[in-house]
Amino acid sequence: MIRSVVRGTGAALPRRIMKNADFEGMVETSDEWIAQRTGIRQRHIAADDETTASLGEAAARAALDSAGLTPADIDLIVLATSTPNNTFPATAVEIQNRLGMHHGFAFDMQAVCSGFVYAVTTADLYIKGGLAKRVLVIGSETFSRILDWSDRSTCVLFGDGAGALVLEADEGTGTIADRGVLAMSLRSDGAHKDKLFVDGGPSTTGTVGHLRMEGREVFKHAVGMITDVIEATFSQAGITAADLDWFVPHQANKRIIDASAKKLGIAEQKVVVTVDLHGNTSAASVPLALSVAVADGRIKKGDLVLLEAMGGGFTWGAVLVRW
């Protein structure tokens, strides 16, 4: 059986760090208020010369270095983003060009904060279908470009950054002991569109627009939806929460992360949390957290790792990977 095995990870963050206290002169808020309700203490904000493409390229190069590969070894690039450099072409092809790749193919994937989870499952299917042997999966965002900096309920939550991993085809036995992507579950429900969206677009306003969110409504649905796809993934793989080595959730809010882990029976020491350092980086959130946990030695070869995310739409999903 063909498995999609992780060969390398990488990350890139903008130079500027914005602390919670920096918002105190901009909107009515405080470091204590933000940290208590979200767990966020700082986030990175892109400068004018830092874009979704440049951050994605840097994360991709770091992942390739980690894998001991070059752009010539890659067949496909899947970029998860909600903040592309241009309406078209896909920012993935810009990254492809930046990497000096003139072969293979590249495209963007839009599932907001769930984008990276969707992209990993898509890459896995291309690999299993024989259309690609090695895939560069990237999550890159510059959400600071679509924030309303006068809206204290949203501007304090988001940050910019990029994360990437390299997936490579390898032979497995078809059992849970295999390395690589083992199980997945994806969902969406457009009935919740107005709870988290951007109020602009080419076909409606002709503008980029700003992010709008009904925070309480998102929180109300998040834990149940996250639990739904994770339990479906566990069932598919024939495991329980006790079998996990690491849980790498979307880094949106510490309260959601804690409540989800508790409901699923995942021990606190198995949960990777970086929301305090990065804020919510949407599709970059999960690969950034992965990169941190791999770099500091927590996630090791053979570990059973669960990835999870939920985003606007609503979209939500989970992927189980043997490292």
Protein backbone atom coordinates (compact mmCIF):
# COMPACT_ATOMS: atom_id res chain seq x y z
CA MET A 1 0.00 0.00 0.00
CA ILE A 2 1.28 3.48 -0.85
CA ARG A 3 1.62 5.84 2.11
CA SER A 4 2.40 9.57 2.13
CA VAL A 5 5.31 9.90 4.55
CA VAL A 6 6.52 13.20 6.04
CA ARG A 7 10.14 13.81 5.03
CA GLY A 8 10.67 17.34 6.33
CA THR A 9 9.06 20.39 7.92
CA GLY A 10 9.79 24.11 7.83
CA ALA A 11 8.46 27.47 8.98
CA ALA A 12 8.83 31.18 8.32
CA LEU A 13 7.67 34.15 10.38
CA PRO A 14 7.69 37.90 9.66
CA ARG A 15 10.39 39.94 11.37
CA ARG A 16 8.03 42.15 13.38
CA ILE A 17 6.58 40.84 16.64
CA MET A 18 3.49 42.62 17.97
CA LYS A 19 2.83 42.13 21.69
CA ASN A 20 -0.61 42.39 23.32
CA ALA A 21 0.43 45.62 25.01
CA ASP A 22 0.94 47.22 21.59
CA PHE A 23 -2.84 47.20 21.08
CA GLU A 24 -3.54 49.23 24.21
CA GLY A 25 -3.12 52.55 22.39
CA MET A 26 -5.09 51.39 19.34
CA VAL A 27 -8.29 49.83 20.68
CA GLU A 28 -9.93 49.39 24.08
CA THR A 29 -8.17 46.27 25.32
CA SER A 30 -5.28 45.09 27.50
CA ASP A 31 -2.62 42.41 27.61
CA GLU A 32 -4.45 40.72 30.49
CA TRP A 33 -7.83 40.75 28.66
CA ILE A 34 -6.38 39.21 25.47
CA ALA A 35 -4.26 36.59 27.22
CA GLN A 36 -7.03 35.52 29.59
CA ARG A 37 -9.63 35.02 26.86
CA THR A 38 -7.46 33.64 24.05
CA GLY A 39 -4.08 32.53 25.39
CA ILE A 40 -2.39 34.81 22.85
CA ARG A 41 0.56 36.93 24.04
CA GLN A 42 2.12 37.97 20.73
CA ARG A 43 1.89 37.53 16.97
CA HIS A 44 4.07 38.29 13.92
CA ILE A 45 2.97 40.99 11.47
CA ALA A 46 4.23 41.08 7.88
CA ALA A 47 6.08 44.13 6.59
CA ASP A 48 5.39 45.54 3.11
CA ASP A 49 8.14 43.37 1.62
CA GLU A 50 6.82 40.20 3.30
CA THR A 51 3.95 38.49 1.49
CA THR A 52 2.12 35.18 1.44
CA ALA A 53 4.40 34.14 -1.43
CA SER A 54 7.68 35.19 0.20
CA LEU A 55 6.80 33.59 3.53
CA GLY A 56 5.58 30.45 1.74
CA GLU A 57 8.81 30.25 -0.22
CA ALA A 58 10.92 30.56 2.94
CA ALA A 59 8.92 27.85 4.73
CA ALA A 60 9.15 25.62 1.65
CA ARG A 61 12.93 25.99 1.45
CA ALA A 62 13.24 25.16 5.15
CA ALA A 63 11.11 22.02 4.67
CA LEU A 64 13.18 20.96 1.66
CA ASP A 65 16.41 21.44 3.63
CA SER A 66 14.94 19.39 6.47
CA ALA A 67 14.07 16.62 4.01
CA GLY A 68 17.47 16.75 2.29
CA LEU A 69 15.74 17.51 -1.01
CA THR A 70 15.77 20.27 -3.64
CA PRO A 71 12.95 21.86 -5.67
CA ALA A 72 13.93 19.53 -8.53
CA ASP A 73 12.67 16.60 -6.43
CA ILE A 74 9.13 18.01 -6.04
CA ASP A 75 6.26 17.09 -8.38
CA LEU A 76 3.45 19.15 -6.88
CA ILE A 77 2.94 22.20 -4.65
CA VAL A 78 -0.34 22.60 -2.77
CA LEU A 79 -0.65 25.96 -1.02
CA ALA A 80 -3.37 26.51 1.58
CA THR A 81 -4.16 30.21 1.91
CA SER A 82 -7.00 32.70 2.24
CA THR A 83 -4.71 35.67 1.60
CA PRO A 84 -3.16 35.11 -1.85
CA ASN A 85 -0.80 37.63 -3.39
CA ASN A 86 -3.23 38.13 -6.28
CA THR A 87 -6.80 37.15 -7.09
CA PHE A 88 -5.11 35.08 -9.78
CA PRO A 89 -2.86 33.38 -10.68
CA ALA A 90 -2.56 31.00 -7.75
CA THR A 91 0.12 32.07 -5.29
CA ALA A 92 1.36 28.47 -5.45
CA VAL A 93 2.66 29.07 -8.98
CA GLU A 94 4.47 32.18 -7.76
CA ILE A 95 6.15 30.10 -5.07
CA GLN A 96 6.92 27.47 -7.71
CA ASN A 97 8.69 30.14 -9.78
CA ARG A 98 10.51 31.55 -6.75
CA LEU A 99 11.86 28.06 -6.09
CA GLY A 100 13.12 27.84 -9.67
CA MET A 101 10.69 25.04 -10.53
CA HIS A 102 9.59 24.87 -14.16
CA HIS A 103 8.22 21.33 -13.98
CA GLY A 104 5.34 19.68 -12.15
CA PHE A 105 2.21 21.60 -11.14
CA ALA A 106 0.97 23.86 -8.36
CA PHE A 107 -2.34 25.21 -7.10
CA ASP A 108 -3.95 27.02 -4.16
CA MET A 109 -6.51 25.52 -1.78
CA GLN A 110 -9.07 27.67 0.04
CA ALA A 111 -10.61 26.26 3.20
CA VAL A 112 -9.60 29.11 5.52
CA CYS A 113 -8.15 27.82 8.83
CA SER A 114 -8.78 24.20 7.78
CA GLY A 115 -6.80 24.77 4.58
CA PHE A 116 -3.65 22.93 5.62
CA VAL A 117 -5.57 19.85 6.78
CA TYR A 118 -7.49 19.86 3.49
CA ALA A 119 -4.20 20.31 1.59
CA VAL A 120 -2.51 17.36 3.33
CA THR A 121 -5.44 15.08 2.48
CA THR A 122 -5.41 16.33 -1.14
CA ALA A 123 -1.66 15.74 -1.46
CA ASP A 124 -2.12 12.26 -0.01
CA LEU A 125 -4.70 11.43 -2.68
CA TYR A 126 -2.43 12.69 -5.50
CA ILE A 127 0.37 10.51 -4.14
CA LYS A 128 -1.86 7.43 -3.76
CA GLY A 129 -3.23 8.06 -7.26
CA GLY A 130 0.27 8.00 -8.71
CA LEU A 131 0.18 11.58 -10.03
CA ALA A 132 2.97 12.75 -7.72
CA LYS A 133 5.78 11.12 -5.78
CA ARG A 134 6.80 14.10 -3.66
CA VAL A 135 4.51 16.98 -2.69
CA LEU A 136 5.32 20.27 -0.99
CA VAL A 137 2.34 21.19 1.22
CA ILE A 138 2.38 24.79 2.44
CA GLY A 139 0.15 26.91 4.64
CA SER A 140 0.94 30.62 4.29
CA GLU A 141 -1.06 33.64 5.40
CA THR A 142 -0.87 37.41 5.79
CA PHE A 143 -4.13 37.94 7.67
CA SER A 144 -2.92 41.35 8.87
CA ARG A 145 -3.82 42.60 5.37
CA ILE A 146 -7.55 41.84 5.86
CA LEU A 147 -8.00 42.92 9.49
CA ASP A 148 -10.07 45.88 10.60
CA TRP A 149 -7.58 47.38 13.05
CA SER A 150 -10.37 49.30 14.81
CA ASP A 151 -12.29 46.09 15.64
CA ARG A 152 -10.90 44.86 18.95
CA SER A 153 -12.83 41.59 18.73
CA THR A 154 -10.80 40.42 15.72
CA CYS A 155 -7.61 42.46 15.26
CA VAL A 156 -5.98 41.04 18.41
CA LEU A 157 -6.52 37.41 17.35
CA PHE A 158 -4.63 36.98 14.09
CA GLY A 159 -1.04 36.92 12.90
CA ASP A 160 1.03 36.17 9.82
CA GLY A 161 3.36 33.29 8.99
CA ALA A 162 3.94 30.13 6.98
CA GLY A 163 4.64 26.46 7.57
CA ALA A 164 5.37 23.60 5.19
CA LEU A 165 6.04 19.90 4.98
CA VAL A 166 7.25 17.50 2.30
CA LEU A 167 5.22 14.33 1.71
CA GLU A 168 6.79 11.43 -0.18
CA ALA A 169 5.35 8.18 -1.51
CA ASP A 170 6.54 5.09 0.36
CA GLU A 171 5.38 1.50 0.64
CA GLY A 172 3.43 0.49 3.70
CA THR A 173 1.77 -2.68 4.95
CA GLY A 174 -1.68 -1.16 5.26
CA THR A 175 -1.67 -1.27 9.05
CA ILE A 176 -1.69 1.37 11.78
CA ALA A 177 2.04 0.69 12.27
CA ASP A 178 2.84 2.27 8.88
CA ARG A 179 4.53 5.64 8.69
CA GLY A 180 2.65 8.39 6.84
CA VAL A 181 -0.94 9.59 6.51
CA LEU A 182 -3.17 6.89 8.02
CA ALA A 183 -6.70 8.31 8.29
CA MET A 184 -8.63 11.51 7.71
CA SER A 185 -12.05 13.12 7.99
CA LEU A 186 -13.19 16.37 6.34
CA ARG A 187 -16.44 18.32 6.72
CA SER A 188 -18.02 21.63 5.76
CA ASP A 189 -21.35 23.37 6.25
CA GLY A 190 -22.03 26.60 4.37
CA ALA A 191 -25.02 27.41 6.57
CA HIS A 192 -22.53 28.99 8.98
CA LYS A 193 -20.94 31.33 6.44
CA ASP A 194 -22.02 34.56 8.14
CA LYS A 195 -20.40 33.62 11.45
CA LEU A 196 -16.86 34.01 10.07
CA PHE A 197 -16.20 35.66 6.72
CA VAL A 198 -14.53 38.51 4.83
CA ASP A 199 -16.95 41.23 3.69
CA GLY A 200 -15.44 41.67 0.23
CA GLY A 201 -14.50 39.82 -2.94
CA PRO A 202 -14.01 40.22 -6.72
CA SER A 203 -17.53 39.05 -7.61
CA THR A 204 -19.41 41.01 -4.93
CA THR A 205 -17.81 44.26 -3.80
CA GLY A 206 -14.77 44.35 -6.06
CA THR A 207 -12.67 44.96 -2.93
CA VAL A 208 -10.55 42.81 -0.64
CA GLY A 209 -12.75 43.49 2.41
CA HIS A 210 -12.16 42.87 6.11
CA LEU A 211 -12.53 39.85 8.35
CA ARG A 212 -15.79 39.71 10.33
CA MET A 213 -16.54 37.21 13.07
CA GLU A 214 -19.26 36.32 15.56
CA GLY A 215 -16.85 35.07 18.18
CA ARG A 216 -19.34 33.51 20.56
CA GLU A 217 -21.06 31.62 17.74
CA VAL A 218 -17.76 30.26 16.44
CA PHE A 219 -16.76 29.15 19.93
CA LYS A 220 -20.18 27.52 20.48
CA HIS A 221 -19.81 25.30 17.42
CA ALA A 222 -16.04 24.68 17.51
CA VAL A 223 -15.65 22.01 20.18
CA GLY A 224 -18.51 19.83 18.91
CA MET A 225 -17.39 20.00 15.28
CA ILE A 226 -13.76 19.30 16.15
CA THR A 227 -14.79 16.31 18.27
CA ASP A 228 -16.94 14.99 15.40
CA VAL A 229 -14.13 14.70 12.84
CA ILE A 230 -11.56 13.48 15.34
CA GLU A 231 -13.80 10.66 16.54
CA ALA A 232 -14.48 9.74 12.90
CA THR A 233 -10.72 9.63 12.25
CA PHE A 234 -10.12 7.50 15.37
CA SER A 235 -12.83 5.10 14.23
CA GLN A 236 -11.34 4.86 10.74
CA ALA A 237 -7.90 4.05 12.16
CA GLY A 238 -9.17 1.77 14.92
CA ILE A 239 -7.52 3.75 17.73
CA THR A 240 -8.46 5.83 20.78
CA ALA A 241 -7.10 9.05 22.23
CA ALA A 242 -4.87 6.99 24.50
CA ASP A 243 -2.92 5.74 21.46
CA LEU A 244 -1.89 9.25 20.41
CA ASP A 245 1.57 10.63 21.06
CA TRP A 246 0.76 14.20 20.00
CA PHE A 247 -2.28 16.34 19.25
CA VAL A 248 -1.53 19.35 17.00
CA PRO A 249 -4.72 21.45 16.79
CA HIS A 250 -5.44 24.66 14.93
CA GLN A 251 -4.09 27.48 17.07
CA ALA A 252 -7.09 29.83 17.30
CA ASN A 253 -7.90 30.04 20.99
CA LYS A 254 -6.41 28.29 24.03
CA ARG A 255 -9.86 27.79 25.52
CA ILE A 256 -11.06 25.90 22.42
CA ILE A 257 -7.88 23.79 22.39
CA ASP A 258 -8.24 22.91 26.08
CA ALA A 259 -11.98 22.15 25.85
CA SER A 260 -11.51 19.94 22.78
CA ALA A 261 -8.67 17.95 24.32
CA LYS A 262 -10.62 17.46 27.54
CA LYS A 263 -13.77 16.29 25.73
CA LEU A 264 -11.73 13.80 23.68
CA GLY A 265 -9.74 12.55 26.65
CA ILE A 266 -6.39 13.71 25.25
CA ALA A 267 -3.87 14.34 28.03
CA GLU A 268 -2.74 17.96 28.37
CA GLN A 269 0.94 17.00 28.02
CA LYS A 270 0.24 15.57 24.55
CA VAL A 271 -1.16 18.84 23.17
CA VAL A 272 1.12 21.13 21.13
CA VAL A 273 0.26 24.78 21.83
CA THR A 274 1.83 27.74 20.01
CA VAL A 275 -1.12 30.15 20.00
CA ASP A 276 0.67 32.23 22.65
CA LEU A 277 3.55 32.87 20.23
CA HIS A 278 1.81 33.14 16.85
CA GLY A 279 -1.85 34.00 17.43
CA ASN A 280 -4.24 32.59 14.84
CA THR A 281 -2.35 32.25 11.55
CA SER A 282 -5.22 30.46 9.78
CA ALA A 283 -3.90 27.87 7.29
CA ALA A 284 -0.33 28.40 8.56
CA SER A 285 -1.33 27.53 12.13
CA VAL A 286 -0.99 23.73 12.10
CA PRO A 287 2.27 23.53 10.08
CA LEU A 288 3.82 26.26 12.26
CA ALA A 289 2.94 24.30 15.40
CA LEU A 290 4.22 21.10 13.80
CA SER A 291 7.50 22.75 12.89
CA VAL A 292 8.01 23.99 16.45
CA ALA A 293 7.32 20.56 17.97
CA VAL A 294 9.60 18.80 15.48
CA ALA A 295 12.40 21.34 15.95
CA ASP A 296 12.37 21.09 19.75
CA GLY A 297 12.41 17.28 19.63
CA ARG A 298 8.93 16.55 20.91
CA ILE A 299 7.64 14.93 17.71
CA LYS A 300 9.93 12.07 16.71
CA LYS A 301 9.99 9.33 14.08
CA GLY A 302 7.33 6.73 14.80
CA ASP A 303 5.09 9.03 16.85
CA LEU A 304 1.34 8.98 16.18
CA VAL A 305 0.27 12.58 15.52
CA LEU A 306 -3.24 13.99 15.10
CA LEU A 307 -3.74 17.23 13.16
CA GLU A 308 -7.02 19.15 13.44
CA ALA A 309 -8.48 22.45 12.26
CA MET A 310 -11.71 24.40 11.91
CA GLY A 311 -12.27 27.54 9.85
CA GLY A 312 -14.73 29.85 8.16
CA GLY A 313 -17.39 28.29 6.01
CA PHE A 314 -17.55 26.40 8.34
CA THR A 315 -14.90 23.88 7.32
CA TRP A 316 -13.31 21.39 9.67
CA GLY A 317 -11.16 18.28 9.47
CA ALA A 318 -8.62 15.95 11.05
CA VAL A 319 -5.68 13.91 9.77
CA LEU A 320 -3.83 11.11 11.56
CA VAL A 321 -0.14 10.73 10.69
CA ARG A 322 2.54 8.31 11.82
CA TRP A 323 5.71 10.42 11.86
